[in-house]
Structure formats: C-alpha cells, structure tokens
Amino acid sequence: MDDIPELSVADVAARLGQPGFFVFDNNGASRWKRGHVPGAKHLNPYEFSADELPADRTATLVFYCSGPG
C-alpha cells in the first residue's frame, strides 16, 4: 500500500465539501454514531458494493478508521 497517497488532517479539512472529494468512515456503527468527520459516509469495509462508491473514477476517495492500519 506504499503507492496510496496519504492526506493530512489539514488537507482533508480544506477539501471537505469540494466536488469530487469523498470521505468514508470505516469504523464500526457504534463508533460512527459517537462521531465522525463532517460529511463522511459510513461504509462497512466487510460488506459494501461498488454502488456505494462514486461512479466518477477520477474522484478522490478518503477512507479512515480507528484501527492500527
């Protein structure tokens, strides 16, 4: 996964709400309910379909969770 770029918190905050920029929270439902990045969509990393992702293949997708990886 070395070829996947990382964004800083400041980078994400600056781009929230911009067209073509999507944020996905991969935490469990209980953690999602306690709090998440504004505008983030909850996405279960074990059970999701391509329909839950943007159709735009040039979009920037940000995934985050509280896990060690």
N, C-alpha and C. Protein backbone atom coordinates (compact mmCIF):
# COMPACT_ATOMS: atom_id res chain seq x y z
N MET A 1 0.82 -1.19 0.00
CA MET A 1 0.00 0.00 0.00
C MET A 1 0.86 1.25 0.00
N ASP A 2 2.12 1.09 -0.30
CA ASP A 2 3.02 2.24 -0.32
C ASP A 2 2.68 3.23 -1.43
N ASP A 3 1.97 2.77 -2.47
CA ASP A 3 1.66 3.65 -3.59
C ASP A 3 0.36 4.44 -3.39
N ILE A 4 -0.30 4.26 -2.24
CA ILE A 4 -1.51 5.00 -1.95
C ILE A 4 -1.13 6.27 -1.19
N PRO A 5 -1.41 7.43 -1.75
CA PRO A 5 -1.02 8.68 -1.06
C PRO A 5 -1.83 8.89 0.22
N GLU A 6 -1.20 9.51 1.17
CA GLU A 6 -1.86 9.87 2.42
C GLU A 6 -2.10 11.37 2.44
N LEU A 7 -3.21 11.76 3.05
CA LEU A 7 -3.53 13.17 3.21
C LEU A 7 -3.48 13.51 4.69
N SER A 8 -3.04 14.69 4.99
CA SER A 8 -3.03 15.14 6.38
C SER A 8 -4.45 15.56 6.78
N VAL A 9 -4.65 15.71 8.07
CA VAL A 9 -5.94 16.19 8.57
C VAL A 9 -6.25 17.56 7.97
N ALA A 10 -5.25 18.40 7.87
CA ALA A 10 -5.45 19.74 7.30
C ALA A 10 -5.85 19.65 5.82
N ASP A 11 -5.24 18.73 5.07
CA ASP A 11 -5.59 18.55 3.66
C ASP A 11 -7.05 18.14 3.51
N VAL A 12 -7.46 17.17 4.33
CA VAL A 12 -8.85 16.70 4.27
C VAL A 12 -9.80 17.83 4.67
N ALA A 13 -9.51 18.52 5.74
CA ALA A 13 -10.38 19.61 6.20
C ALA A 13 -10.53 20.68 5.12
N ALA A 14 -9.46 20.99 4.42
CA ALA A 14 -9.50 22.02 3.39
C ALA A 14 -10.33 21.60 2.18
N ARG A 15 -10.44 20.30 1.95
CA ARG A 15 -11.14 19.82 0.76
C ARG A 15 -12.54 19.31 1.02
N LEU A 16 -12.95 19.23 2.28
CA LEU A 16 -14.30 18.76 2.59
C LEU A 16 -15.34 19.58 1.85
N GLY A 17 -16.28 18.88 1.24
CA GLY A 17 -17.37 19.55 0.53
C GLY A 17 -17.05 19.92 -0.90
N GLN A 18 -15.81 19.75 -1.33
CA GLN A 18 -15.46 20.07 -2.72
C GLN A 18 -15.97 18.97 -3.65
N PRO A 19 -16.35 19.33 -4.86
CA PRO A 19 -16.78 18.31 -5.83
C PRO A 19 -15.66 17.29 -6.07
N GLY A 20 -16.04 16.05 -6.19
CA GLY A 20 -15.07 15.01 -6.50
C GLY A 20 -14.22 14.56 -5.32
N PHE A 21 -14.59 14.95 -4.09
CA PHE A 21 -13.85 14.59 -2.88
C PHE A 21 -14.81 13.90 -1.93
N PHE A 22 -14.55 12.64 -1.60
CA PHE A 22 -15.47 11.84 -0.80
C PHE A 22 -14.72 11.22 0.37
N VAL A 23 -15.34 11.25 1.54
CA VAL A 23 -14.73 10.71 2.76
C VAL A 23 -15.61 9.58 3.28
N PHE A 24 -14.97 8.45 3.59
CA PHE A 24 -15.67 7.27 4.08
C PHE A 24 -15.10 6.86 5.43
N ASP A 25 -15.98 6.69 6.40
CA ASP A 25 -15.61 6.24 7.74
C ASP A 25 -15.81 4.73 7.79
N ASN A 26 -14.74 3.99 8.05
CA ASN A 26 -14.80 2.53 8.08
C ASN A 26 -14.82 1.96 9.49
N ASN A 27 -15.19 2.77 10.47
CA ASN A 27 -15.32 2.30 11.84
C ASN A 27 -16.63 1.54 12.02
N GLY A 28 -16.74 0.84 13.12
CA GLY A 28 -17.99 0.17 13.45
C GLY A 28 -19.12 1.16 13.65
N ALA A 29 -20.34 0.65 13.58
CA ALA A 29 -21.52 1.52 13.68
C ALA A 29 -21.57 2.30 14.99
N SER A 30 -21.17 1.68 16.09
CA SER A 30 -21.24 2.40 17.37
C SER A 30 -20.26 3.56 17.41
N ARG A 31 -19.07 3.37 16.88
CA ARG A 31 -18.09 4.47 16.83
C ARG A 31 -18.58 5.56 15.87
N TRP A 32 -19.16 5.16 14.74
CA TRP A 32 -19.72 6.12 13.78
C TRP A 32 -20.76 7.01 14.47
N LYS A 33 -21.63 6.39 15.27
CA LYS A 33 -22.68 7.15 15.94
C LYS A 33 -22.12 8.13 16.96
N ARG A 34 -20.97 7.80 17.56
CA ARG A 34 -20.36 8.68 18.56
C ARG A 34 -19.71 9.90 17.91
N GLY A 35 -19.31 9.78 16.66
CA GLY A 35 -18.71 10.92 15.99
C GLY A 35 -17.94 10.51 14.75
N HIS A 36 -17.94 11.39 13.77
CA HIS A 36 -17.23 11.14 12.52
C HIS A 36 -16.92 12.47 11.83
N VAL A 37 -16.08 12.41 10.83
CA VAL A 37 -15.72 13.60 10.06
C VAL A 37 -16.99 14.17 9.42
N PRO A 38 -17.22 15.47 9.50
CA PRO A 38 -18.41 16.06 8.89
C PRO A 38 -18.49 15.71 7.40
N GLY A 39 -19.64 15.21 6.99
CA GLY A 39 -19.85 14.86 5.59
C GLY A 39 -19.38 13.46 5.23
N ALA A 40 -18.73 12.76 6.15
CA ALA A 40 -18.26 11.41 5.85
C ALA A 40 -19.45 10.45 5.77
N LYS A 41 -19.31 9.46 4.93
CA LYS A 41 -20.32 8.42 4.79
C LYS A 41 -19.82 7.17 5.51
N HIS A 42 -20.69 6.52 6.27
CA HIS A 42 -20.30 5.28 6.94
C HIS A 42 -20.26 4.16 5.90
N LEU A 43 -19.18 3.39 5.89
CA LEU A 43 -19.02 2.30 4.94
C LEU A 43 -18.41 1.12 5.67
N ASN A 44 -19.15 0.03 5.75
CA ASN A 44 -18.64 -1.19 6.36
C ASN A 44 -17.61 -1.79 5.41
N PRO A 45 -16.34 -1.90 5.82
CA PRO A 45 -15.32 -2.39 4.90
C PRO A 45 -15.48 -3.86 4.54
N TYR A 46 -16.30 -4.58 5.28
CA TYR A 46 -16.51 -6.00 5.01
C TYR A 46 -17.75 -6.28 4.17
N GLU A 47 -18.64 -5.31 4.08
CA GLU A 47 -19.89 -5.50 3.35
C GLU A 47 -20.29 -4.22 2.63
N PHE A 48 -19.74 -4.00 1.47
CA PHE A 48 -20.17 -2.86 0.67
C PHE A 48 -20.12 -3.25 -0.80
N SER A 49 -20.83 -2.51 -1.60
CA SER A 49 -20.85 -2.77 -3.04
C SER A 49 -20.32 -1.55 -3.78
N ALA A 50 -20.00 -1.75 -5.02
CA ALA A 50 -19.50 -0.65 -5.85
C ALA A 50 -20.53 0.47 -5.96
N ASP A 51 -21.80 0.15 -5.79
CA ASP A 51 -22.86 1.16 -5.86
C ASP A 51 -22.75 2.19 -4.74
N GLU A 52 -22.04 1.85 -3.67
CA GLU A 52 -21.88 2.78 -2.55
C GLU A 52 -20.73 3.76 -2.76
N LEU A 53 -19.95 3.54 -3.82
CA LEU A 53 -18.82 4.41 -4.14
C LEU A 53 -19.21 5.31 -5.30
N PRO A 54 -18.55 6.47 -5.42
CA PRO A 54 -18.88 7.36 -6.53
C PRO A 54 -18.57 6.71 -7.88
N ALA A 55 -19.39 7.00 -8.86
CA ALA A 55 -19.17 6.47 -10.21
C ALA A 55 -17.98 7.14 -10.88
N ASP A 56 -17.65 8.35 -10.46
CA ASP A 56 -16.54 9.11 -11.04
C ASP A 56 -15.21 8.46 -10.66
N ARG A 57 -14.56 7.86 -11.63
CA ARG A 57 -13.29 7.15 -11.38
C ARG A 57 -12.11 8.10 -11.18
N THR A 58 -12.32 9.39 -11.36
CA THR A 58 -11.25 10.36 -11.13
C THR A 58 -11.41 11.04 -9.77
N ALA A 59 -12.47 10.68 -9.03
CA ALA A 59 -12.73 11.29 -7.72
C ALA A 59 -11.64 10.88 -6.73
N THR A 60 -11.45 11.72 -5.73
CA THR A 60 -10.55 11.40 -4.62
C THR A 60 -11.39 10.76 -3.52
N LEU A 61 -10.99 9.55 -3.12
CA LEU A 61 -11.69 8.83 -2.06
C LEU A 61 -10.79 8.74 -0.85
N VAL A 62 -11.30 9.15 0.30
CA VAL A 62 -10.55 9.09 1.55
C VAL A 62 -11.26 8.09 2.46
N PHE A 63 -10.53 7.09 2.94
CA PHE A 63 -11.06 6.10 3.86
C PHE A 63 -10.29 6.24 5.17
N TYR A 64 -11.02 6.18 6.29
CA TYR A 64 -10.33 6.24 7.57
C TYR A 64 -11.05 5.35 8.58
N CYS A 65 -10.29 4.95 9.60
CA CYS A 65 -10.85 4.18 10.71
C CYS A 65 -9.94 4.38 11.91
N SER A 66 -10.31 3.81 13.03
CA SER A 66 -9.51 3.96 14.23
C SER A 66 -8.56 2.79 14.44
N GLY A 67 -8.50 1.89 13.49
CA GLY A 67 -7.64 0.72 13.61
C GLY A 67 -6.17 1.07 13.45
N PRO A 68 -5.30 0.11 13.76
CA PRO A 68 -3.87 0.38 13.70
C PRO A 68 -3.31 0.53 12.29
N GLY A 69 -4.04 0.04 11.28
CA GLY A 69 -3.53 0.11 9.90
C GLY A 69 -3.91 1.38 9.24
